[in-house]
Amino acid sequence: MAYDFSKFKGQITETQEWLSRELSGVRTGRAAPALLDNVRVDSYGARTPLSQIASVTVEDARTIRISPWDKTLNKPIEKAIGDADLGISVVVDDSGIRVIFPELTADRRTLLTKLANEKVEQSKVTLRGHRAEAIKDIDAAEKDGGMGKDEVDRLKGEVQKMVEAATQALEASGKKKQEEIAR
């Protein structure tokens, strides 16, 4: 009986996508609209993602322009960004909202690098959990009599190879983010 790796591969992909989303929320020296993806604005009685009530564009290297489709949402957007505690300043003007990213200090860079490392480590822990689950499934299949010892050892080796490859990809993403922060 062959083991189906599709669930395990899906979990690996899901973990990599999670890390990518989390790292996009870690601020670097440049303005990036992805930093505002997690901002939720109280609008019309619901907490709505910023991207669904306004256009978000990069004005220059350290400024993002937010143009709400309904000008009455300027204050709630300003409040939501302030509540998100992203370490940025917000200026409301007649054409929308400008989000200004200050220069990163050495202390802030160190803190952001540490945060990025924590996100990478969280994803590696999740990956190890998925590996344990896959190995448990393989062991259960062996107990049920569906596989021989050699087949089980081969499958466990394949699982380990996939985990090692995924771990390298996660670490590469973390290293890339660290380089962005250092710039």
C-alpha atoms as a PDB file:
ATOM      1  CA  MET A   1       0.000   0.000   0.000  1.00  0.00           C
ATOM      2  CA  ALA A   2       1.445   3.382  -1.016  1.00  0.00           C
ATOM      3  CA  TYR A   3       1.224   6.301   1.366  1.00  0.00           C
ATOM      4  CA  ASP A   4      -0.535   9.423   0.057  1.00  0.00           C
ATOM      5  CA  PHE A   5       1.694  12.451   0.652  1.00  0.00           C
ATOM      6  CA  SER A   6      -0.802  14.987  -0.740  1.00  0.00           C
ATOM      7  CA  LYS A   7      -2.117  16.017   2.703  1.00  0.00           C
ATOM      8  CA  PHE A   8       1.423  16.367   4.060  1.00  0.00           C
ATOM      9  CA  LYS A   9       2.577  18.390   1.031  1.00  0.00           C
ATOM     10  CA  GLY A  10      -0.491  20.615   1.415  1.00  0.00           C
ATOM     11  CA  GLN A  11       0.408  21.238   5.058  1.00  0.00           C
ATOM     12  CA  ILE A  12       3.968  22.153   4.058  1.00  0.00           C
ATOM     13  CA  THR A  13       2.687  24.607   1.446  1.00  0.00           C
ATOM     14  CA  GLU A  14       0.230  26.067   3.945  1.00  0.00           C
ATOM     15  CA  THR A  15       3.052  26.596   6.476  1.00  0.00           C
ATOM     16  CA  GLN A  16       5.227  28.312   3.859  1.00  0.00           C
ATOM     17  CA  GLU A  17       2.354  30.602   2.832  1.00  0.00           C
ATOM     18  CA  TRP A  18       1.682  31.458   6.490  1.00  0.00           C
ATOM     19  CA  LEU A  19       5.317  32.438   6.997  1.00  0.00           C
ATOM     20  CA  SER A  20       5.253  34.537   3.851  1.00  0.00           C
ATOM     21  CA  ARG A  21       2.171  36.433   5.088  1.00  0.00           C
ATOM     22  CA  GLU A  22       3.655  36.910   8.551  1.00  0.00           C
ATOM     23  CA  LEU A  23       6.984  38.170   7.216  1.00  0.00           C
ATOM     24  CA  SER A  24       5.220  40.602   4.884  1.00  0.00           C
ATOM     25  CA  GLY A  25       3.781  42.196   8.027  1.00  0.00           C
ATOM     26  CA  VAL A  26       7.234  42.787   9.509  1.00  0.00           C
ATOM     27  CA  ARG A  27       8.174  46.309   8.527  1.00  0.00           C
ATOM     28  CA  THR A  28      11.366  47.117   6.680  1.00  0.00           C
ATOM     29  CA  GLY A  29      12.718  50.548   5.811  1.00  0.00           C
ATOM     30  CA  ARG A  30      10.519  50.752   2.717  1.00  0.00           C
ATOM     31  CA  ALA A  31       6.797  51.421   2.493  1.00  0.00           C
ATOM     32  CA  ALA A  32       4.862  48.310   1.475  1.00  0.00           C
ATOM     33  CA  PRO A  33       1.059  48.071   1.229  1.00  0.00           C
ATOM     34  CA  ALA A  34       1.249  44.498   2.555  1.00  0.00           C
ATOM     35  CA  LEU A  35       2.060  45.949   5.984  1.00  0.00           C
ATOM     36  CA  LEU A  36      -1.514  47.204   6.198  1.00  0.00           C
ATOM     37  CA  ASP A  37      -3.115  43.860   5.234  1.00  0.00           C
ATOM     38  CA  ASN A  38      -3.952  43.014   8.842  1.00  0.00           C
ATOM     39  CA  VAL A  39      -5.531  46.403   9.596  1.00  0.00           C
ATOM     40  CA  ARG A  40      -9.284  46.092  10.194  1.00  0.00           C
ATOM     41  CA  VAL A  41     -11.447  49.223  10.117  1.00  0.00           C
ATOM     42  CA  ASP A  42     -14.762  49.654  11.925  1.00  0.00           C
ATOM     43  CA  SER A  43     -17.001  50.581   9.015  1.00  0.00           C
ATOM     44  CA  TYR A  44     -20.746  50.266   8.694  1.00  0.00           C
ATOM     45  CA  GLY A  45     -20.936  48.131  11.842  1.00  0.00           C
ATOM     46  CA  ALA A  46     -18.348  45.550  10.778  1.00  0.00           C
ATOM     47  CA  ARG A  47     -14.575  45.158  11.050  1.00  0.00           C
ATOM     48  CA  THR A  48     -13.534  45.333   7.403  1.00  0.00           C
ATOM     49  CA  PRO A  49     -10.059  44.848   5.882  1.00  0.00           C
ATOM     50  CA  LEU A  50      -8.577  48.154   4.749  1.00  0.00           C
ATOM     51  CA  SER A  51      -8.144  46.903   1.173  1.00  0.00           C
ATOM     52  CA  GLN A  52     -11.921  46.441   0.864  1.00  0.00           C
ATOM     53  CA  ILE A  53     -12.828  50.051   1.681  1.00  0.00           C
ATOM     54  CA  ALA A  54      -9.933  52.021   0.161  1.00  0.00           C
ATOM     55  CA  SER A  55      -7.219  51.916  -2.448  1.00  0.00           C
ATOM     56  CA  VAL A  56      -3.726  51.566  -0.998  1.00  0.00           C
ATOM     57  CA  THR A  57      -0.808  52.765  -3.133  1.00  0.00           C
ATOM     58  CA  VAL A  58       2.871  53.527  -2.597  1.00  0.00           C
ATOM     59  CA  GLU A  59       3.523  57.231  -2.998  1.00  0.00           C
ATOM     60  CA  ASP A  60       7.301  57.094  -2.509  1.00  0.00           C
ATOM     61  CA  ALA A  61       9.870  54.934  -0.689  1.00  0.00           C
ATOM     62  CA  ARG A  62       8.570  55.883   2.769  1.00  0.00           C
ATOM     63  CA  THR A  63       4.958  56.941   2.143  1.00  0.00           C
ATOM     64  CA  ILE A  64       1.733  55.077   1.406  1.00  0.00           C
ATOM     65  CA  ARG A  65      -1.407  56.855   0.183  1.00  0.00           C
ATOM     66  CA  ILE A  66      -4.780  55.504   1.298  1.00  0.00           C
ATOM     67  CA  SER A  67      -7.763  56.782  -0.672  1.00  0.00           C
ATOM     68  CA  PRO A  68     -11.036  55.652   0.938  1.00  0.00           C
ATOM     69  CA  TRP A  69     -13.971  55.238  -1.381  1.00  0.00           C
ATOM     70  CA  ASP A  70     -16.155  56.880   1.257  1.00  0.00           C
ATOM     71  CA  LYS A  71     -14.524  60.014   2.725  1.00  0.00           C
ATOM     72  CA  THR A  72     -16.464  59.585   5.996  1.00  0.00           C
ATOM     73  CA  LEU A  73     -14.164  56.619   6.746  1.00  0.00           C
ATOM     74  CA  ASN A  74     -11.027  58.785   7.084  1.00  0.00           C
ATOM     75  CA  LYS A  75     -11.254  58.964  10.896  1.00  0.00           C
ATOM     76  CA  PRO A  76     -12.032  55.241  11.427  1.00  0.00           C
ATOM     77  CA  ILE A  77      -9.125  54.325   9.106  1.00  0.00           C
ATOM     78  CA  GLU A  78      -6.787  56.665  10.975  1.00  0.00           C
ATOM     79  CA  LYS A  79      -7.885  55.115  14.288  1.00  0.00           C
ATOM     80  CA  ALA A  80      -7.487  51.532  13.002  1.00  0.00           C
ATOM     81  CA  ILE A  81      -3.953  52.203  11.772  1.00  0.00           C
ATOM     82  CA  GLY A  82      -3.066  53.828  15.077  1.00  0.00           C
ATOM     83  CA  ASP A  83      -4.520  50.892  17.002  1.00  0.00           C
ATOM     84  CA  ALA A  84      -2.482  48.442  14.892  1.00  0.00           C
ATOM     85  CA  ASP A  85       0.672  49.847  16.546  1.00  0.00           C
ATOM     86  CA  LEU A  86       2.891  49.551  13.472  1.00  0.00           C
ATOM     87  CA  GLY A  87       5.276  52.334  14.486  1.00  0.00           C
ATOM     88  CA  ILE A  88       4.173  54.608  11.641  1.00  0.00           C
ATOM     89  CA  SER A  89       2.657  58.071  11.537  1.00  0.00           C
ATOM     90  CA  VAL A  90      -0.665  58.917   9.914  1.00  0.00           C
ATOM     91  CA  VAL A  91      -1.622  62.242   8.333  1.00  0.00           C
ATOM     92  CA  VAL A  92      -5.158  62.951   7.117  1.00  0.00           C
ATOM     93  CA  ASP A  93      -5.514  65.442   4.275  1.00  0.00           C
ATOM     94  CA  ASP A  94      -8.286  66.402   1.858  1.00  0.00           C
ATOM     95  CA  SER A  95      -7.504  63.637  -0.664  1.00  0.00           C
ATOM     96  CA  GLY A  96      -7.157  60.779   1.823  1.00  0.00           C
ATOM     97  CA  ILE A  97      -4.615  59.502   4.291  1.00  0.00           C
ATOM     98  CA  ARG A  98      -0.835  59.448   4.091  1.00  0.00           C
ATOM     99  CA  VAL A  99       1.029  56.826   6.094  1.00  0.00           C
ATOM    100  CA  ILE A 100       4.636  57.812   6.694  1.00  0.00           C
ATOM    101  CA  PHE A 101       7.277  55.252   7.631  1.00  0.00           C
ATOM    102  CA  PRO A 102      10.120  56.675   9.725  1.00  0.00           C
ATOM    103  CA  GLU A 103      13.728  55.648   9.219  1.00  0.00           C
ATOM    104  CA  LEU A 104      14.556  52.506  11.143  1.00  0.00           C
ATOM    105  CA  THR A 105      16.906  52.884  14.086  1.00  0.00           C
ATOM    106  CA  ALA A 106      19.489  50.240  14.943  1.00  0.00           C
ATOM    107  CA  ASP A 107      17.421  49.157  17.955  1.00  0.00           C
ATOM    108  CA  ARG A 108      14.283  48.853  15.846  1.00  0.00           C
ATOM    109  CA  ARG A 109      16.157  46.828  13.201  1.00  0.00           C
ATOM    110  CA  THR A 110      17.364  44.453  15.911  1.00  0.00           C
ATOM    111  CA  LEU A 111      13.843  44.093  17.255  1.00  0.00           C
ATOM    112  CA  LEU A 112      12.407  43.447  13.772  1.00  0.00           C
ATOM    113  CA  THR A 113      15.107  40.877  13.022  1.00  0.00           C
ATOM    114  CA  LYS A 114      14.273  39.097  16.277  1.00  0.00           C
ATOM    115  CA  LEU A 115      10.569  39.162  15.375  1.00  0.00           C
ATOM    116  CA  ALA A 116      11.295  37.709  11.915  1.00  0.00           C
ATOM    117  CA  ASN A 117      13.386  34.954  13.512  1.00  0.00           C
ATOM    118  CA  GLU A 118      10.514  34.122  15.891  1.00  0.00           C
ATOM    119  CA  LYS A 119       8.110  33.809  12.940  1.00  0.00           C
ATOM    120  CA  VAL A 120      10.532  31.462  11.159  1.00  0.00           C
ATOM    121  CA  GLU A 121      10.911  29.369  14.311  1.00  0.00           C
ATOM    122  CA  GLN A 122       7.110  29.168  14.733  1.00  0.00           C
ATOM    123  CA  SER A 123       6.785  27.869  11.180  1.00  0.00           C
ATOM    124  CA  LYS A 124       9.521  25.277  11.782  1.00  0.00           C
ATOM    125  CA  VAL A 125       7.719  24.058  14.920  1.00  0.00           C
ATOM    126  CA  THR A 126       4.493  23.749  12.912  1.00  0.00           C
ATOM    127  CA  LEU A 127       6.382  21.815  10.239  1.00  0.00           C
ATOM    128  CA  ARG A 128       7.768  19.397  12.833  1.00  0.00           C
ATOM    129  CA  GLY A 129       4.219  18.847  14.085  1.00  0.00           C
ATOM    130  CA  HIS A 130       3.096  17.959  10.575  1.00  0.00           C
ATOM    131  CA  ARG A 131       6.048  15.571  10.272  1.00  0.00           C
ATOM    132  CA  ALA A 132       5.071  13.822  13.523  1.00  0.00           C
ATOM    133  CA  GLU A 133       1.503  13.491  12.272  1.00  0.00           C
ATOM    134  CA  ALA A 134       2.649  11.960   8.962  1.00  0.00           C
ATOM    135  CA  ILE A 135       4.944   9.495  10.741  1.00  0.00           C
ATOM    136  CA  LYS A 136       2.109   8.548  13.085  1.00  0.00           C
ATOM    137  CA  ASP A 137      -0.103   7.837  10.048  1.00  0.00           C
ATOM    138  CA  ILE A 138       2.625   5.679   8.501  1.00  0.00           C
ATOM    139  CA  ASP A 139       3.087   3.748  11.759  1.00  0.00           C
ATOM    140  CA  ALA A 140      -0.681   3.207  11.985  1.00  0.00           C
ATOM    141  CA  ALA A 141      -0.703   1.833   8.432  1.00  0.00           C
ATOM    142  CA  GLU A 142       2.114  -0.566   9.408  1.00  0.00           C
ATOM    143  CA  LYS A 143       0.163  -1.786  12.456  1.00  0.00           C
ATOM    144  CA  ASP A 144      -2.894  -2.379  10.285  1.00  0.00           C
ATOM    145  CA  GLY A 145      -0.733  -4.687   8.186  1.00  0.00           C
ATOM    146  CA  GLY A 146      -0.789  -2.564   5.075  1.00  0.00           C
ATOM    147  CA  MET A 147       2.995  -2.081   4.865  1.00  0.00           C
ATOM    148  CA  GLY A 148       6.202  -3.877   5.567  1.00  0.00           C
ATOM    149  CA  LYS A 149       9.083  -2.583   7.674  1.00  0.00           C
ATOM    150  CA  ASP A 150      11.209  -1.649   4.634  1.00  0.00           C
ATOM    151  CA  GLU A 151       8.348   0.339   3.111  1.00  0.00           C
ATOM    152  CA  VAL A 152       7.761   2.170   6.404  1.00  0.00           C
ATOM    153  CA  ASP A 153      11.453   3.087   6.684  1.00  0.00           C
ATOM    154  CA  ARG A 154      11.487   4.332   3.076  1.00  0.00           C
ATOM    155  CA  LEU A 155       8.365   6.462   3.609  1.00  0.00           C
ATOM    156  CA  LYS A 156       9.725   7.943   6.836  1.00  0.00           C
ATOM    157  CA  GLY A 157      12.910   8.839   4.934  1.00  0.00           C
ATOM    158  CA  GLU A 158      10.837  10.588   2.266  1.00  0.00           C
ATOM    159  CA  VAL A 159       8.941  12.529   4.929  1.00  0.00           C
ATOM    160  CA  GLN A 160      12.229  13.623   6.486  1.00  0.00           C
ATOM    161  CA  LYS A 161      13.624  14.731   3.095  1.00  0.00           C
ATOM    162  CA  MET A 162      10.498  16.825   2.456  1.00  0.00           C
ATOM    163  CA  VAL A 163      10.744  18.402   5.908  1.00  0.00           C
ATOM    164  CA  GLU A 164      14.432  19.237   5.401  1.00  0.00           C
ATOM    165  CA  ALA A 165      13.701  20.849   2.020  1.00  0.00           C
ATOM    166  CA  ALA A 166      10.802  22.839   3.476  1.00  0.00           C
ATOM    167  CA  THR A 167      12.923  23.917   6.462  1.00  0.00           C
ATOM    168  CA  GLN A 168      15.600  25.224   4.099  1.00  0.00           C
ATOM    169  CA  ALA A 169      12.950  27.176   2.175  1.00  0.00           C
ATOM    170  CA  LEU A 170      11.596  28.661   5.428  1.00  0.00           C
ATOM    171  CA  GLU A 171      15.075  29.644   6.575  1.00  0.00           C
ATOM    172  CA  ALA A 172      15.796  31.202   3.166  1.00  0.00           C
ATOM    173  CA  SER A 173      12.642  33.319   3.490  1.00  0.00           C
ATOM    174  CA  GLY A 174      13.737  34.419   6.954  1.00  0.00           C
ATOM    175  CA  LYS A 175      17.232  35.278   5.758  1.00  0.00           C
ATOM    176  CA  LYS A 176      15.827  37.312   2.861  1.00  0.00           C
ATOM    177  CA  LYS A 177      13.645  39.277   5.306  1.00  0.00           C
ATOM    178  CA  GLN A 178      16.623  39.879   7.603  1.00  0.00           C
ATOM    179  CA  GLU A 179      18.557  41.317   4.646  1.00  0.00           C
ATOM    180  CA  GLU A 180      15.625  43.617   3.817  1.00  0.00           C
ATOM    181  CA  ILE A 181      15.526  44.836   7.424  1.00  0.00           C
ATOM    182  CA  ALA A 182      19.280  45.455   7.456  1.00  0.00           C
ATOM    183  CA  ARG A 183      19.092  47.721   4.379  1.00  0.00           C
END
